[in-house]
């Protein structure tokens, strides 16, 4: 799964977060 983890709109930093069994690939 993946999602933007920071609020909508403009900001100094934005974060996309992923989670799963194996993310090395």
PDBML (XML) file of the C-alpha atoms, coordinates in Angstrom:
<?xml version="1.0" encoding="UTF-8" ?>
<PDBx:datablock datablockName="MODEL"
   xmlns:PDBx="http://pdbml.pdb.org/schema/pdbx-v50.xsd"
   xmlns:xsi="http://www.w3.org/2001/XMLSchema-instance"
   xsi:schemaLocation="http://pdbml.pdb.org/schema/pdbx-v50.xsd pdbx-v50.xsd">
   <PDBx:atom_siteCategory>
      <PDBx:atom_site id="1">
         <PDBx:B_iso_or_equiv>0.00</PDBx:B_iso_or_equiv>
         <PDBx:Cartn_x>0.000</PDBx:Cartn_x>
         <PDBx:Cartn_y>0.000</PDBx:Cartn_y>
         <PDBx:Cartn_z>0.000</PDBx:Cartn_z>
         <PDBx:auth_asym_id>A</PDBx:auth_asym_id>
         <PDBx:auth_atom_id>CA</PDBx:auth_atom_id>
         <PDBx:auth_comp_id>UNK</PDBx:auth_comp_id>
         <PDBx:auth_seq_id>1</PDBx:auth_seq_id>
         <PDBx:group_PDB>ATOM</PDBx:group_PDB>
         <PDBx:label_alt_id xsi:nil="true" />
         <PDBx:label_asym_id>A</PDBx:label_asym_id>
         <PDBx:label_atom_id>CA</PDBx:label_atom_id>
         <PDBx:label_comp_id>UNK</PDBx:label_comp_id>
         <PDBx:label_entity_id>1</PDBx:label_entity_id>
         <PDBx:label_seq_id>1</PDBx:label_seq_id>
         <PDBx:occupancy>1.00</PDBx:occupancy>
         <PDBx:pdbx_PDB_model_num>1</PDBx:pdbx_PDB_model_num>
         <PDBx:type_symbol>C</PDBx:type_symbol>
      </PDBx:atom_site>
      <PDBx:atom_site id="2">
         <PDBx:B_iso_or_equiv>0.00</PDBx:B_iso_or_equiv>
         <PDBx:Cartn_x>1.037</PDBx:Cartn_x>
         <PDBx:Cartn_y>3.603</PDBx:Cartn_y>
         <PDBx:Cartn_z>-0.611</PDBx:Cartn_z>
         <PDBx:auth_asym_id>A</PDBx:auth_asym_id>
         <PDBx:auth_atom_id>CA</PDBx:auth_atom_id>
         <PDBx:auth_comp_id>UNK</PDBx:auth_comp_id>
         <PDBx:auth_seq_id>2</PDBx:auth_seq_id>
         <PDBx:group_PDB>ATOM</PDBx:group_PDB>
         <PDBx:label_alt_id xsi:nil="true" />
         <PDBx:label_asym_id>A</PDBx:label_asym_id>
         <PDBx:label_atom_id>CA</PDBx:label_atom_id>
         <PDBx:label_comp_id>UNK</PDBx:label_comp_id>
         <PDBx:label_entity_id>1</PDBx:label_entity_id>
         <PDBx:label_seq_id>2</PDBx:label_seq_id>
         <PDBx:occupancy>1.00</PDBx:occupancy>
         <PDBx:pdbx_PDB_model_num>1</PDBx:pdbx_PDB_model_num>
         <PDBx:type_symbol>C</PDBx:type_symbol>
      </PDBx:atom_site>
      <PDBx:atom_site id="3">
         <PDBx:B_iso_or_equiv>0.00</PDBx:B_iso_or_equiv>
         <PDBx:Cartn_x>-0.359</PDBx:Cartn_x>
         <PDBx:Cartn_y>7.023</PDBx:Cartn_y>
         <PDBx:Cartn_z>0.235</PDBx:Cartn_z>
         <PDBx:auth_asym_id>A</PDBx:auth_asym_id>
         <PDBx:auth_atom_id>CA</PDBx:auth_atom_id>
         <PDBx:auth_comp_id>UNK</PDBx:auth_comp_id>
         <PDBx:auth_seq_id>3</PDBx:auth_seq_id>
         <PDBx:group_PDB>ATOM</PDBx:group_PDB>
         <PDBx:label_alt_id xsi:nil="true" />
         <PDBx:label_asym_id>A</PDBx:label_asym_id>
         <PDBx:label_atom_id>CA</PDBx:label_atom_id>
         <PDBx:label_comp_id>UNK</PDBx:label_comp_id>
         <PDBx:label_entity_id>1</PDBx:label_entity_id>
         <PDBx:label_seq_id>3</PDBx:label_seq_id>
         <PDBx:occupancy>1.00</PDBx:occupancy>
         <PDBx:pdbx_PDB_model_num>1</PDBx:pdbx_PDB_model_num>
         <PDBx:type_symbol>C</PDBx:type_symbol>
      </PDBx:atom_site>
      <PDBx:atom_site id="4">
         <PDBx:B_iso_or_equiv>0.00</PDBx:B_iso_or_equiv>
         <PDBx:Cartn_x>0.605</PDBx:Cartn_x>
         <PDBx:Cartn_y>10.644</PDBx:Cartn_y>
         <PDBx:Cartn_z>0.618</PDBx:Cartn_z>
         <PDBx:auth_asym_id>A</PDBx:auth_asym_id>
         <PDBx:auth_atom_id>CA</PDBx:auth_atom_id>
         <PDBx:auth_comp_id>UNK</PDBx:auth_comp_id>
         <PDBx:auth_seq_id>4</PDBx:auth_seq_id>
         <PDBx:group_PDB>ATOM</PDBx:group_PDB>
         <PDBx:label_alt_id xsi:nil="true" />
         <PDBx:label_asym_id>A</PDBx:label_asym_id>
         <PDBx:label_atom_id>CA</PDBx:label_atom_id>
         <PDBx:label_comp_id>UNK</PDBx:label_comp_id>
         <PDBx:label_entity_id>1</PDBx:label_entity_id>
         <PDBx:label_seq_id>4</PDBx:label_seq_id>
         <PDBx:occupancy>1.00</PDBx:occupancy>
         <PDBx:pdbx_PDB_model_num>1</PDBx:pdbx_PDB_model_num>
         <PDBx:type_symbol>C</PDBx:type_symbol>
      </PDBx:atom_site>
      <PDBx:atom_site id="5">
         <PDBx:B_iso_or_equiv>0.00</PDBx:B_iso_or_equiv>
         <PDBx:Cartn_x>1.019</PDBx:Cartn_x>
         <PDBx:Cartn_y>10.995</PDBx:Cartn_y>
         <PDBx:Cartn_z>4.392</PDBx:Cartn_z>
         <PDBx:auth_asym_id>A</PDBx:auth_asym_id>
         <PDBx:auth_atom_id>CA</PDBx:auth_atom_id>
         <PDBx:auth_comp_id>UNK</PDBx:auth_comp_id>
         <PDBx:auth_seq_id>5</PDBx:auth_seq_id>
         <PDBx:group_PDB>ATOM</PDBx:group_PDB>
         <PDBx:label_alt_id xsi:nil="true" />
         <PDBx:label_asym_id>A</PDBx:label_asym_id>
         <PDBx:label_atom_id>CA</PDBx:label_atom_id>
         <PDBx:label_comp_id>UNK</PDBx:label_comp_id>
         <PDBx:label_entity_id>1</PDBx:label_entity_id>
         <PDBx:label_seq_id>5</PDBx:label_seq_id>
         <PDBx:occupancy>1.00</PDBx:occupancy>
         <PDBx:pdbx_PDB_model_num>1</PDBx:pdbx_PDB_model_num>
         <PDBx:type_symbol>C</PDBx:type_symbol>
      </PDBx:atom_site>
      <PDBx:atom_site id="6">
         <PDBx:B_iso_or_equiv>0.00</PDBx:B_iso_or_equiv>
         <PDBx:Cartn_x>1.148</PDBx:Cartn_x>
         <PDBx:Cartn_y>14.785</PDBx:Cartn_y>
         <PDBx:Cartn_z>4.589</PDBx:Cartn_z>
         <PDBx:auth_asym_id>A</PDBx:auth_asym_id>
         <PDBx:auth_atom_id>CA</PDBx:auth_atom_id>
         <PDBx:auth_comp_id>UNK</PDBx:auth_comp_id>
         <PDBx:auth_seq_id>6</PDBx:auth_seq_id>
         <PDBx:group_PDB>ATOM</PDBx:group_PDB>
         <PDBx:label_alt_id xsi:nil="true" />
         <PDBx:label_asym_id>A</PDBx:label_asym_id>
         <PDBx:label_atom_id>CA</PDBx:label_atom_id>
         <PDBx:label_comp_id>UNK</PDBx:label_comp_id>
         <PDBx:label_entity_id>1</PDBx:label_entity_id>
         <PDBx:label_seq_id>6</PDBx:label_seq_id>
         <PDBx:occupancy>1.00</PDBx:occupancy>
         <PDBx:pdbx_PDB_model_num>1</PDBx:pdbx_PDB_model_num>
         <PDBx:type_symbol>C</PDBx:type_symbol>
      </PDBx:atom_site>
      <PDBx:atom_site id="7">
         <PDBx:B_iso_or_equiv>0.00</PDBx:B_iso_or_equiv>
         <PDBx:Cartn_x>-1.837</PDBx:Cartn_x>
         <PDBx:Cartn_y>17.175</PDBx:Cartn_y>
         <PDBx:Cartn_z>4.344</PDBx:Cartn_z>
         <PDBx:auth_asym_id>A</PDBx:auth_asym_id>
         <PDBx:auth_atom_id>CA</PDBx:auth_atom_id>
         <PDBx:auth_comp_id>UNK</PDBx:auth_comp_id>
         <PDBx:auth_seq_id>7</PDBx:auth_seq_id>
         <PDBx:group_PDB>ATOM</PDBx:group_PDB>
         <PDBx:label_alt_id xsi:nil="true" />
         <PDBx:label_asym_id>A</PDBx:label_asym_id>
         <PDBx:label_atom_id>CA</PDBx:label_atom_id>
         <PDBx:label_comp_id>UNK</PDBx:label_comp_id>
         <PDBx:label_entity_id>1</PDBx:label_entity_id>
         <PDBx:label_seq_id>7</PDBx:label_seq_id>
         <PDBx:occupancy>1.00</PDBx:occupancy>
         <PDBx:pdbx_PDB_model_num>1</PDBx:pdbx_PDB_model_num>
         <PDBx:type_symbol>C</PDBx:type_symbol>
      </PDBx:atom_site>
      <PDBx:atom_site id="8">
         <PDBx:B_iso_or_equiv>0.00</PDBx:B_iso_or_equiv>
         <PDBx:Cartn_x>-3.099</PDBx:Cartn_x>
         <PDBx:Cartn_y>18.375</PDBx:Cartn_y>
         <PDBx:Cartn_z>0.982</PDBx:Cartn_z>
         <PDBx:auth_asym_id>A</PDBx:auth_asym_id>
         <PDBx:auth_atom_id>CA</PDBx:auth_atom_id>
         <PDBx:auth_comp_id>UNK</PDBx:auth_comp_id>
         <PDBx:auth_seq_id>8</PDBx:auth_seq_id>
         <PDBx:group_PDB>ATOM</PDBx:group_PDB>
         <PDBx:label_alt_id xsi:nil="true" />
         <PDBx:label_asym_id>A</PDBx:label_asym_id>
         <PDBx:label_atom_id>CA</PDBx:label_atom_id>
         <PDBx:label_comp_id>UNK</PDBx:label_comp_id>
         <PDBx:label_entity_id>1</PDBx:label_entity_id>
         <PDBx:label_seq_id>8</PDBx:label_seq_id>
         <PDBx:occupancy>1.00</PDBx:occupancy>
         <PDBx:pdbx_PDB_model_num>1</PDBx:pdbx_PDB_model_num>
         <PDBx:type_symbol>C</PDBx:type_symbol>
      </PDBx:atom_site>
      <PDBx:atom_site id="9">
         <PDBx:B_iso_or_equiv>0.00</PDBx:B_iso_or_equiv>
         <PDBx:Cartn_x>-1.733</PDBx:Cartn_x>
         <PDBx:Cartn_y>21.624</PDBx:Cartn_y>
         <PDBx:Cartn_z>-0.363</PDBx:Cartn_z>
         <PDBx:auth_asym_id>A</PDBx:auth_asym_id>
         <PDBx:auth_atom_id>CA</PDBx:auth_atom_id>
         <PDBx:auth_comp_id>UNK</PDBx:auth_comp_id>
         <PDBx:auth_seq_id>9</PDBx:auth_seq_id>
         <PDBx:group_PDB>ATOM</PDBx:group_PDB>
         <PDBx:label_alt_id xsi:nil="true" />
         <PDBx:label_asym_id>A</PDBx:label_asym_id>
         <PDBx:label_atom_id>CA</PDBx:label_atom_id>
         <PDBx:label_comp_id>UNK</PDBx:label_comp_id>
         <PDBx:label_entity_id>1</PDBx:label_entity_id>
         <PDBx:label_seq_id>9</PDBx:label_seq_id>
         <PDBx:occupancy>1.00</PDBx:occupancy>
         <PDBx:pdbx_PDB_model_num>1</PDBx:pdbx_PDB_model_num>
         <PDBx:type_symbol>C</PDBx:type_symbol>
      </PDBx:atom_site>
      <PDBx:atom_site id="10">
         <PDBx:B_iso_or_equiv>0.00</PDBx:B_iso_or_equiv>
         <PDBx:Cartn_x>1.726</PDBx:Cartn_x>
         <PDBx:Cartn_y>23.138</PDBx:Cartn_y>
         <PDBx:Cartn_z>-0.591</PDBx:Cartn_z>
         <PDBx:auth_asym_id>A</PDBx:auth_asym_id>
         <PDBx:auth_atom_id>CA</PDBx:auth_atom_id>
         <PDBx:auth_comp_id>UNK</PDBx:auth_comp_id>
         <PDBx:auth_seq_id>10</PDBx:auth_seq_id>
         <PDBx:group_PDB>ATOM</PDBx:group_PDB>
         <PDBx:label_alt_id xsi:nil="true" />
         <PDBx:label_asym_id>A</PDBx:label_asym_id>
         <PDBx:label_atom_id>CA</PDBx:label_atom_id>
         <PDBx:label_comp_id>UNK</PDBx:label_comp_id>
         <PDBx:label_entity_id>1</PDBx:label_entity_id>
         <PDBx:label_seq_id>10</PDBx:label_seq_id>
         <PDBx:occupancy>1.00</PDBx:occupancy>
         <PDBx:pdbx_PDB_model_num>1</PDBx:pdbx_PDB_model_num>
         <PDBx:type_symbol>C</PDBx:type_symbol>
      </PDBx:atom_site>
      <PDBx:atom_site id="11">
         <PDBx:B_iso_or_equiv>0.00</PDBx:B_iso_or_equiv>
         <PDBx:Cartn_x>4.353</PDBx:Cartn_x>
         <PDBx:Cartn_y>22.660</PDBx:Cartn_y>
         <PDBx:Cartn_z>2.095</PDBx:Cartn_z>
         <PDBx:auth_asym_id>A</PDBx:auth_asym_id>
         <PDBx:auth_atom_id>CA</PDBx:auth_atom_id>
         <PDBx:auth_comp_id>UNK</PDBx:auth_comp_id>
         <PDBx:auth_seq_id>11</PDBx:auth_seq_id>
         <PDBx:group_PDB>ATOM</PDBx:group_PDB>
         <PDBx:label_alt_id xsi:nil="true" />
         <PDBx:label_asym_id>A</PDBx:label_asym_id>
         <PDBx:label_atom_id>CA</PDBx:label_atom_id>
         <PDBx:label_comp_id>UNK</PDBx:label_comp_id>
         <PDBx:label_entity_id>1</PDBx:label_entity_id>
         <PDBx:label_seq_id>11</PDBx:label_seq_id>
         <PDBx:occupancy>1.00</PDBx:occupancy>
         <PDBx:pdbx_PDB_model_num>1</PDBx:pdbx_PDB_model_num>
         <PDBx:type_symbol>C</PDBx:type_symbol>
      </PDBx:atom_site>
      <PDBx:atom_site id="12">
         <PDBx:B_iso_or_equiv>0.00</PDBx:B_iso_or_equiv>
         <PDBx:Cartn_x>8.076</PDBx:Cartn_x>
         <PDBx:Cartn_y>22.592</PDBx:Cartn_y>
         <PDBx:Cartn_z>2.626</PDBx:Cartn_z>
         <PDBx:auth_asym_id>A</PDBx:auth_asym_id>
         <PDBx:auth_atom_id>CA</PDBx:auth_atom_id>
         <PDBx:auth_comp_id>UNK</PDBx:auth_comp_id>
         <PDBx:auth_seq_id>12</PDBx:auth_seq_id>
         <PDBx:group_PDB>ATOM</PDBx:group_PDB>
         <PDBx:label_alt_id xsi:nil="true" />
         <PDBx:label_asym_id>A</PDBx:label_asym_id>
         <PDBx:label_atom_id>CA</PDBx:label_atom_id>
         <PDBx:label_comp_id>UNK</PDBx:label_comp_id>
         <PDBx:label_entity_id>1</PDBx:label_entity_id>
         <PDBx:label_seq_id>12</PDBx:label_seq_id>
         <PDBx:occupancy>1.00</PDBx:occupancy>
         <PDBx:pdbx_PDB_model_num>1</PDBx:pdbx_PDB_model_num>
         <PDBx:type_symbol>C</PDBx:type_symbol>
      </PDBx:atom_site>
      <PDBx:atom_site id="13">
         <PDBx:B_iso_or_equiv>0.00</PDBx:B_iso_or_equiv>
         <PDBx:Cartn_x>8.116</PDBx:Cartn_x>
         <PDBx:Cartn_y>18.789</PDBx:Cartn_y>
         <PDBx:Cartn_z>2.822</PDBx:Cartn_z>
         <PDBx:auth_asym_id>A</PDBx:auth_asym_id>
         <PDBx:auth_atom_id>CA</PDBx:auth_atom_id>
         <PDBx:auth_comp_id>UNK</PDBx:auth_comp_id>
         <PDBx:auth_seq_id>13</PDBx:auth_seq_id>
         <PDBx:group_PDB>ATOM</PDBx:group_PDB>
         <PDBx:label_alt_id xsi:nil="true" />
         <PDBx:label_asym_id>A</PDBx:label_asym_id>
         <PDBx:label_atom_id>CA</PDBx:label_atom_id>
         <PDBx:label_comp_id>UNK</PDBx:label_comp_id>
         <PDBx:label_entity_id>1</PDBx:label_entity_id>
         <PDBx:label_seq_id>13</PDBx:label_seq_id>
         <PDBx:occupancy>1.00</PDBx:occupancy>
         <PDBx:pdbx_PDB_model_num>1</PDBx:pdbx_PDB_model_num>
         <PDBx:type_symbol>C</PDBx:type_symbol>
      </PDBx:atom_site>
      <PDBx:atom_site id="14">
         <PDBx:B_iso_or_equiv>0.00</PDBx:B_iso_or_equiv>
         <PDBx:Cartn_x>5.785</PDBx:Cartn_x>
         <PDBx:Cartn_y>16.104</PDBx:Cartn_y>
         <PDBx:Cartn_z>1.502</PDBx:Cartn_z>
         <PDBx:auth_asym_id>A</PDBx:auth_asym_id>
         <PDBx:auth_atom_id>CA</PDBx:auth_atom_id>
         <PDBx:auth_comp_id>UNK</PDBx:auth_comp_id>
         <PDBx:auth_seq_id>14</PDBx:auth_seq_id>
         <PDBx:group_PDB>ATOM</PDBx:group_PDB>
         <PDBx:label_alt_id xsi:nil="true" />
         <PDBx:label_asym_id>A</PDBx:label_asym_id>
         <PDBx:label_atom_id>CA</PDBx:label_atom_id>
         <PDBx:label_comp_id>UNK</PDBx:label_comp_id>
         <PDBx:label_entity_id>1</PDBx:label_entity_id>
         <PDBx:label_seq_id>14</PDBx:label_seq_id>
         <PDBx:occupancy>1.00</PDBx:occupancy>
         <PDBx:pdbx_PDB_model_num>1</PDBx:pdbx_PDB_model_num>
         <PDBx:type_symbol>C</PDBx:type_symbol>
      </PDBx:atom_site>
      <PDBx:atom_site id="15">
         <PDBx:B_iso_or_equiv>0.00</PDBx:B_iso_or_equiv>
         <PDBx:Cartn_x>5.871</PDBx:Cartn_x>
         <PDBx:Cartn_y>12.405</PDBx:Cartn_y>
         <PDBx:Cartn_z>2.410</PDBx:Cartn_z>
         <PDBx:auth_asym_id>A</PDBx:auth_asym_id>
         <PDBx:auth_atom_id>CA</PDBx:auth_atom_id>
         <PDBx:auth_comp_id>UNK</PDBx:auth_comp_id>
         <PDBx:auth_seq_id>15</PDBx:auth_seq_id>
         <PDBx:group_PDB>ATOM</PDBx:group_PDB>
         <PDBx:label_alt_id xsi:nil="true" />
         <PDBx:label_asym_id>A</PDBx:label_asym_id>
         <PDBx:label_atom_id>CA</PDBx:label_atom_id>
         <PDBx:label_comp_id>UNK</PDBx:label_comp_id>
         <PDBx:label_entity_id>1</PDBx:label_entity_id>
         <PDBx:label_seq_id>15</PDBx:label_seq_id>
         <PDBx:occupancy>1.00</PDBx:occupancy>
         <PDBx:pdbx_PDB_model_num>1</PDBx:pdbx_PDB_model_num>
         <PDBx:type_symbol>C</PDBx:type_symbol>
      </PDBx:atom_site>
      <PDBx:atom_site id="16">
         <PDBx:B_iso_or_equiv>0.00</PDBx:B_iso_or_equiv>
         <PDBx:Cartn_x>4.785</PDBx:Cartn_x>
         <PDBx:Cartn_y>9.351</PDBx:Cartn_y>
         <PDBx:Cartn_z>0.453</PDBx:Cartn_z>
         <PDBx:auth_asym_id>A</PDBx:auth_asym_id>
         <PDBx:auth_atom_id>CA</PDBx:auth_atom_id>
         <PDBx:auth_comp_id>UNK</PDBx:auth_comp_id>
         <PDBx:auth_seq_id>16</PDBx:auth_seq_id>
         <PDBx:group_PDB>ATOM</PDBx:group_PDB>
         <PDBx:label_alt_id xsi:nil="true" />
         <PDBx:label_asym_id>A</PDBx:label_asym_id>
         <PDBx:label_atom_id>CA</PDBx:label_atom_id>
         <PDBx:label_comp_id>UNK</PDBx:label_comp_id>
         <PDBx:label_entity_id>1</PDBx:label_entity_id>
         <PDBx:label_seq_id>16</PDBx:label_seq_id>
         <PDBx:occupancy>1.00</PDBx:occupancy>
         <PDBx:pdbx_PDB_model_num>1</PDBx:pdbx_PDB_model_num>
         <PDBx:type_symbol>C</PDBx:type_symbol>
      </PDBx:atom_site>
      <PDBx:atom_site id="17">
         <PDBx:B_iso_or_equiv>0.00</PDBx:B_iso_or_equiv>
         <PDBx:Cartn_x>4.595</PDBx:Cartn_x>
         <PDBx:Cartn_y>6.278</PDBx:Cartn_y>
         <PDBx:Cartn_z>2.686</PDBx:Cartn_z>
         <PDBx:auth_asym_id>A</PDBx:auth_asym_id>
         <PDBx:auth_atom_id>CA</PDBx:auth_atom_id>
         <PDBx:auth_comp_id>UNK</PDBx:auth_comp_id>
         <PDBx:auth_seq_id>17</PDBx:auth_seq_id>
         <PDBx:group_PDB>ATOM</PDBx:group_PDB>
         <PDBx:label_alt_id xsi:nil="true" />
         <PDBx:label_asym_id>A</PDBx:label_asym_id>
         <PDBx:label_atom_id>CA</PDBx:label_atom_id>
         <PDBx:label_comp_id>UNK</PDBx:label_comp_id>
         <PDBx:label_entity_id>1</PDBx:label_entity_id>
         <PDBx:label_seq_id>17</PDBx:label_seq_id>
         <PDBx:occupancy>1.00</PDBx:occupancy>
         <PDBx:pdbx_PDB_model_num>1</PDBx:pdbx_PDB_model_num>
         <PDBx:type_symbol>C</PDBx:type_symbol>
      </PDBx:atom_site>
      <PDBx:atom_site id="18">
         <PDBx:B_iso_or_equiv>0.00</PDBx:B_iso_or_equiv>
         <PDBx:Cartn_x>4.627</PDBx:Cartn_x>
         <PDBx:Cartn_y>2.638</PDBx:Cartn_y>
         <PDBx:Cartn_z>1.590</PDBx:Cartn_z>
         <PDBx:auth_asym_id>A</PDBx:auth_asym_id>
         <PDBx:auth_atom_id>CA</PDBx:auth_atom_id>
         <PDBx:auth_comp_id>UNK</PDBx:auth_comp_id>
         <PDBx:auth_seq_id>18</PDBx:auth_seq_id>
         <PDBx:group_PDB>ATOM</PDBx:group_PDB>
         <PDBx:label_alt_id xsi:nil="true" />
         <PDBx:label_asym_id>A</PDBx:label_asym_id>
         <PDBx:label_atom_id>CA</PDBx:label_atom_id>
         <PDBx:label_comp_id>UNK</PDBx:label_comp_id>
         <PDBx:label_entity_id>1</PDBx:label_entity_id>
         <PDBx:label_seq_id>18</PDBx:label_seq_id>
         <PDBx:occupancy>1.00</PDBx:occupancy>
         <PDBx:pdbx_PDB_model_num>1</PDBx:pdbx_PDB_model_num>
         <PDBx:type_symbol>C</PDBx:type_symbol>
      </PDBx:atom_site>
      <PDBx:atom_site id="19">
         <PDBx:B_iso_or_equiv>0.00</PDBx:B_iso_or_equiv>
         <PDBx:Cartn_x>4.077</PDBx:Cartn_x>
         <PDBx:Cartn_y>-0.547</PDBx:Cartn_y>
         <PDBx:Cartn_z>3.587</PDBx:Cartn_z>
         <PDBx:auth_asym_id>A</PDBx:auth_asym_id>
         <PDBx:auth_atom_id>CA</PDBx:auth_atom_id>
         <PDBx:auth_comp_id>UNK</PDBx:auth_comp_id>
         <PDBx:auth_seq_id>19</PDBx:auth_seq_id>
         <PDBx:group_PDB>ATOM</PDBx:group_PDB>
         <PDBx:label_alt_id xsi:nil="true" />
         <PDBx:label_asym_id>A</PDBx:label_asym_id>
         <PDBx:label_atom_id>CA</PDBx:label_atom_id>
         <PDBx:label_comp_id>UNK</PDBx:label_comp_id>
         <PDBx:label_entity_id>1</PDBx:label_entity_id>
         <PDBx:label_seq_id>19</PDBx:label_seq_id>
         <PDBx:occupancy>1.00</PDBx:occupancy>
         <PDBx:pdbx_PDB_model_num>1</PDBx:pdbx_PDB_model_num>
         <PDBx:type_symbol>C</PDBx:type_symbol>
      </PDBx:atom_site>
      <PDBx:atom_site id="20">
         <PDBx:B_iso_or_equiv>0.00</PDBx:B_iso_or_equiv>
         <PDBx:Cartn_x>4.228</PDBx:Cartn_x>
         <PDBx:Cartn_y>-4.203</PDBx:Cartn_y>
         <PDBx:Cartn_z>2.585</PDBx:Cartn_z>
         <PDBx:auth_asym_id>A</PDBx:auth_asym_id>
         <PDBx:auth_atom_id>CA</PDBx:auth_atom_id>
         <PDBx:auth_comp_id>UNK</PDBx:auth_comp_id>
         <PDBx:auth_seq_id>20</PDBx:auth_seq_id>
         <PDBx:group_PDB>ATOM</PDBx:group_PDB>
         <PDBx:label_alt_id xsi:nil="true" />
         <PDBx:label_asym_id>A</PDBx:label_asym_id>
         <PDBx:label_atom_id>CA</PDBx:label_atom_id>
         <PDBx:label_comp_id>UNK</PDBx:label_comp_id>
         <PDBx:label_entity_id>1</PDBx:label_entity_id>
         <PDBx:label_seq_id>20</PDBx:label_seq_id>
         <PDBx:occupancy>1.00</PDBx:occupancy>
         <PDBx:pdbx_PDB_model_num>1</PDBx:pdbx_PDB_model_num>
         <PDBx:type_symbol>C</PDBx:type_symbol>
      </PDBx:atom_site>
      <PDBx:atom_site id="21">
         <PDBx:B_iso_or_equiv>0.00</PDBx:B_iso_or_equiv>
         <PDBx:Cartn_x>5.901</PDBx:Cartn_x>
         <PDBx:Cartn_y>-7.569</PDBx:Cartn_y>
         <PDBx:Cartn_z>3.039</PDBx:Cartn_z>
         <PDBx:auth_asym_id>A</PDBx:auth_asym_id>
         <PDBx:auth_atom_id>CA</PDBx:auth_atom_id>
         <PDBx:auth_comp_id>UNK</PDBx:auth_comp_id>
         <PDBx:auth_seq_id>21</PDBx:auth_seq_id>
         <PDBx:group_PDB>ATOM</PDBx:group_PDB>
         <PDBx:label_alt_id xsi:nil="true" />
         <PDBx:label_asym_id>A</PDBx:label_asym_id>
         <PDBx:label_atom_id>CA</PDBx:label_atom_id>
         <PDBx:label_comp_id>UNK</PDBx:label_comp_id>
         <PDBx:label_entity_id>1</PDBx:label_entity_id>
         <PDBx:label_seq_id>21</PDBx:label_seq_id>
         <PDBx:occupancy>1.00</PDBx:occupancy>
         <PDBx:pdbx_PDB_model_num>1</PDBx:pdbx_PDB_model_num>
         <PDBx:type_symbol>C</PDBx:type_symbol>
      </PDBx:atom_site>
      <PDBx:atom_site id="22">
         <PDBx:B_iso_or_equiv>0.00</PDBx:B_iso_or_equiv>
         <PDBx:Cartn_x>9.034</PDBx:Cartn_x>
         <PDBx:Cartn_y>-6.786</PDBx:Cartn_y>
         <PDBx:Cartn_z>0.976</PDBx:Cartn_z>
         <PDBx:auth_asym_id>A</PDBx:auth_asym_id>
         <PDBx:auth_atom_id>CA</PDBx:auth_atom_id>
         <PDBx:auth_comp_id>UNK</PDBx:auth_comp_id>
         <PDBx:auth_seq_id>22</PDBx:auth_seq_id>
         <PDBx:group_PDB>ATOM</PDBx:group_PDB>
         <PDBx:label_alt_id xsi:nil="true" />
         <PDBx:label_asym_id>A</PDBx:label_asym_id>
         <PDBx:label_atom_id>CA</PDBx:label_atom_id>
         <PDBx:label_comp_id>UNK</PDBx:label_comp_id>
         <PDBx:label_entity_id>1</PDBx:label_entity_id>
         <PDBx:label_seq_id>22</PDBx:label_seq_id>
         <PDBx:occupancy>1.00</PDBx:occupancy>
         <PDBx:pdbx_PDB_model_num>1</PDBx:pdbx_PDB_model_num>
         <PDBx:type_symbol>C</PDBx:type_symbol>
      </PDBx:atom_site>
      <PDBx:atom_site id="23">
         <PDBx:B_iso_or_equiv>0.00</PDBx:B_iso_or_equiv>
         <PDBx:Cartn_x>9.915</PDBx:Cartn_x>
         <PDBx:Cartn_y>-3.303</PDBx:Cartn_y>
         <PDBx:Cartn_z>-0.279</PDBx:Cartn_z>
         <PDBx:auth_asym_id>A</PDBx:auth_asym_id>
         <PDBx:auth_atom_id>CA</PDBx:auth_atom_id>
         <PDBx:auth_comp_id>UNK</PDBx:auth_comp_id>
         <PDBx:auth_seq_id>23</PDBx:auth_seq_id>
         <PDBx:group_PDB>ATOM</PDBx:group_PDB>
         <PDBx:label_alt_id xsi:nil="true" />
         <PDBx:label_asym_id>A</PDBx:label_asym_id>
         <PDBx:label_atom_id>CA</PDBx:label_atom_id>
         <PDBx:label_comp_id>UNK</PDBx:label_comp_id>
         <PDBx:label_entity_id>1</PDBx:label_entity_id>
         <PDBx:label_seq_id>23</PDBx:label_seq_id>
         <PDBx:occupancy>1.00</PDBx:occupancy>
         <PDBx:pdbx_PDB_model_num>1</PDBx:pdbx_PDB_model_num>
         <PDBx:type_symbol>C</PDBx:type_symbol>
      </PDBx:atom_site>
      <PDBx:atom_site id="24">
         <PDBx:B_iso_or_equiv>0.00</PDBx:B_iso_or_equiv>
         <PDBx:Cartn_x>13.494</PDBx:Cartn_x>
         <PDBx:Cartn_y>-3.975</PDBx:Cartn_y>
         <PDBx:Cartn_z>-1.373</PDBx:Cartn_z>
         <PDBx:auth_asym_id>A</PDBx:auth_asym_id>
         <PDBx:auth_atom_id>CA</PDBx:auth_atom_id>
         <PDBx:auth_comp_id>UNK</PDBx:auth_comp_id>
         <PDBx:auth_seq_id>24</PDBx:auth_seq_id>
         <PDBx:group_PDB>ATOM</PDBx:group_PDB>
         <PDBx:label_alt_id xsi:nil="true" />
         <PDBx:label_asym_id>A</PDBx:label_asym_id>
         <PDBx:label_atom_id>CA</PDBx:label_atom_id>
         <PDBx:label_comp_id>UNK</PDBx:label_comp_id>
         <PDBx:label_entity_id>1</PDBx:label_entity_id>
         <PDBx:label_seq_id>24</PDBx:label_seq_id>
         <PDBx:occupancy>1.00</PDBx:occupancy>
         <PDBx:pdbx_PDB_model_num>1</PDBx:pdbx_PDB_model_num>
         <PDBx:type_symbol>C</PDBx:type_symbol>
      </PDBx:atom_site>
      <PDBx:atom_site id="25">
         <PDBx:B_iso_or_equiv>0.00</PDBx:B_iso_or_equiv>
         <PDBx:Cartn_x>12.519</PDBx:Cartn_x>
         <PDBx:Cartn_y>-4.297</PDBx:Cartn_y>
         <PDBx:Cartn_z>-5.039</PDBx:Cartn_z>
         <PDBx:auth_asym_id>A</PDBx:auth_asym_id>
         <PDBx:auth_atom_id>CA</PDBx:auth_atom_id>
         <PDBx:auth_comp_id>UNK</PDBx:auth_comp_id>
         <PDBx:auth_seq_id>25</PDBx:auth_seq_id>
         <PDBx:group_PDB>ATOM</PDBx:group_PDB>
         <PDBx:label_alt_id xsi:nil="true" />
         <PDBx:label_asym_id>A</PDBx:label_asym_id>
         <PDBx:label_atom_id>CA</PDBx:label_atom_id>
         <PDBx:label_comp_id>UNK</PDBx:label_comp_id>
         <PDBx:label_entity_id>1</PDBx:label_entity_id>
         <PDBx:label_seq_id>25</PDBx:label_seq_id>
         <PDBx:occupancy>1.00</PDBx:occupancy>
         <PDBx:pdbx_PDB_model_num>1</PDBx:pdbx_PDB_model_num>
         <PDBx:type_symbol>C</PDBx:type_symbol>
      </PDBx:atom_site>
   </PDBx:atom_siteCategory>
</PDBx:datablock>
